[in-house]
Amino acid sequence: MIESGDTMAKYQTQLNTNFNQLLSKIEQGIVNGSISASLEERSDFYKEEYRCSVRVFERYSYTGGNRVSLTVTLFGKDGDISLSAITSGGSQGIFLKLNTFGEDAFLEKLIELL
């Protein structure tokens, strides 16, 4: 379920799958899913059998006329993975968010991959 707050759109879920396969599917699917999408940065931590992987993607939003980011965090181990995805940057307002179409569309792309 997508949650839209005052500032960003967020999606959280639990998955029962292979960690490496899921991470690869997300990386490839987001980057190949839009001509302007890119993987901007990555971070990985390991503690015993647990892993935390953070990926920050960015793409141009035609509807918003700006760039939006998508941060995806995976935490857990094979068969027990928590995913959190948060978008940001999809607004043209100075003090308030006037439209979040680009953020919501970026998040929907991730949900389609899952």
Protein backbone atom coordinates (compact mmCIF):
# COMPACT_ATOMS: atom_id res chain seq x y z
CA MET A 1 0.00 0.00 0.00
CA ILE A 2 1.31 3.43 -0.92
CA GLU A 3 1.21 5.96 1.87
CA SER A 4 1.35 9.62 0.89
CA GLY A 5 2.27 11.98 3.66
CA ASP A 6 2.79 15.71 3.54
CA THR A 7 6.24 15.30 2.06
CA MET A 8 6.76 11.94 0.34
CA ALA A 9 5.21 8.70 -0.86
CA LYS A 10 6.20 5.49 0.94
CA TYR A 11 5.72 1.76 0.42
CA GLN A 12 6.63 -0.99 2.89
CA THR A 13 6.22 -4.76 2.65
CA GLN A 14 7.61 -8.13 3.75
CA LEU A 15 8.90 -10.55 1.12
CA ASN A 16 9.78 -14.23 1.18
CA THR A 17 12.40 -14.54 -1.55
CA ASN A 18 16.13 -14.65 -2.32
CA PHE A 19 17.85 -11.41 -1.24
CA ASN A 20 20.36 -11.19 -4.11
CA GLN A 21 17.78 -12.02 -6.78
CA LEU A 22 15.35 -9.42 -5.42
CA LEU A 23 18.01 -6.73 -5.24
CA SER A 24 19.16 -7.46 -8.79
CA LYS A 25 15.58 -7.44 -10.07
CA ILE A 26 14.96 -4.04 -8.46
CA GLU A 27 18.21 -2.50 -9.74
CA GLN A 28 17.75 -3.72 -13.30
CA GLY A 29 14.01 -3.10 -13.40
CA ILE A 30 14.20 0.51 -12.21
CA VAL A 31 17.16 1.48 -14.40
CA ASN A 32 15.79 -0.28 -17.49
CA GLY A 33 12.23 0.90 -16.82
CA SER A 34 12.86 4.53 -17.76
CA ILE A 35 15.21 6.19 -20.21
CA SER A 36 16.17 8.79 -17.59
CA ALA A 37 16.47 6.45 -14.57
CA SER A 38 19.84 5.92 -12.93
CA LEU A 39 21.26 4.24 -9.86
CA GLU A 40 22.85 7.16 -8.02
CA GLU A 41 24.36 5.44 -4.98
CA ARG A 42 24.41 2.15 -3.09
CA SER A 43 25.29 0.93 0.39
CA ASP A 44 25.49 -2.58 1.85
CA PHE A 45 25.97 -3.81 5.42
CA TYR A 46 26.34 -7.38 6.63
CA LYS A 47 25.94 -8.80 10.16
CA GLU A 48 26.05 -12.57 10.41
CA GLU A 49 23.31 -13.85 8.07
CA TYR A 50 21.53 -10.48 7.93
CA ARG A 51 22.02 -7.85 5.27
CA CYS A 52 20.93 -4.28 4.73
CA SER A 53 21.07 -2.85 1.21
CA VAL A 54 20.17 0.72 0.35
CA ARG A 55 19.76 1.94 -3.23
CA VAL A 56 19.05 5.49 -4.36
CA PHE A 57 17.59 5.90 -7.84
CA GLU A 58 16.75 9.07 -9.71
CA ARG A 59 14.75 9.83 -12.84
CA TYR A 60 13.18 12.72 -14.67
CA SER A 61 9.44 13.16 -14.15
CA TYR A 62 7.77 14.45 -17.30
CA THR A 63 4.52 15.12 -15.46
CA GLY A 64 6.23 17.17 -12.76
CA GLY A 65 8.93 18.68 -14.96
CA ASN A 66 11.65 17.80 -12.44
CA ARG A 67 13.78 14.96 -11.10
CA VAL A 68 12.54 12.58 -8.44
CA SER A 69 14.42 10.12 -6.27
CA LEU A 70 13.50 6.69 -4.98
CA THR A 71 15.31 5.20 -2.01
CA VAL A 72 14.89 1.44 -1.57
CA THR A 73 16.04 -0.31 1.60
CA LEU A 74 16.10 -4.09 1.93
CA PHE A 75 16.80 -5.66 5.31
CA GLY A 76 16.88 -9.29 6.36
CA LYS A 77 18.03 -12.61 4.99
CA ASP A 78 16.91 -15.04 2.29
CA GLY A 79 13.25 -15.85 2.86
CA ASP A 80 12.63 -13.01 5.32
CA ILE A 81 13.14 -9.57 3.79
CA SER A 82 11.70 -6.22 4.81
CA LEU A 83 11.46 -3.61 2.05
CA SER A 84 10.97 0.12 2.51
CA ALA A 85 10.75 2.49 -0.45
CA ILE A 86 10.46 6.27 -0.18
CA THR A 87 10.26 8.83 -2.97
CA SER A 88 11.19 12.49 -2.84
CA GLY A 89 11.69 15.53 -5.01
CA GLY A 90 8.55 15.47 -7.11
CA SER A 91 7.13 18.90 -6.41
CA GLN A 92 7.20 22.32 -7.99
CA GLY A 93 6.04 24.22 -4.91
CA ILE A 94 8.33 26.47 -2.91
CA PHE A 95 6.73 25.92 0.49
CA LEU A 96 4.17 23.18 -0.19
CA LYS A 97 4.11 20.11 -2.39
CA LEU A 98 1.86 21.02 -5.28
CA ASN A 99 2.00 17.74 -7.17
CA THR A 100 3.41 14.35 -6.38
CA PHE A 101 2.56 12.61 -9.66
CA GLY A 102 6.20 11.87 -10.44
CA GLU A 103 6.87 10.44 -6.98
CA ASP A 104 3.81 8.21 -7.09
CA ALA A 105 4.64 6.97 -10.61
CA PHE A 106 8.21 6.12 -9.58
CA LEU A 107 6.93 4.15 -6.60
CA GLU A 108 4.35 2.37 -8.76
CA LYS A 109 7.16 1.21 -11.06
CA LEU A 110 8.86 -0.50 -8.11
CA ILE A 111 5.60 -2.11 -6.98
CA GLU A 112 5.08 -3.51 -10.50
CA LEU A 113 8.52 -5.14 -10.32
CA LEU A 114 7.69 -6.83 -7.04
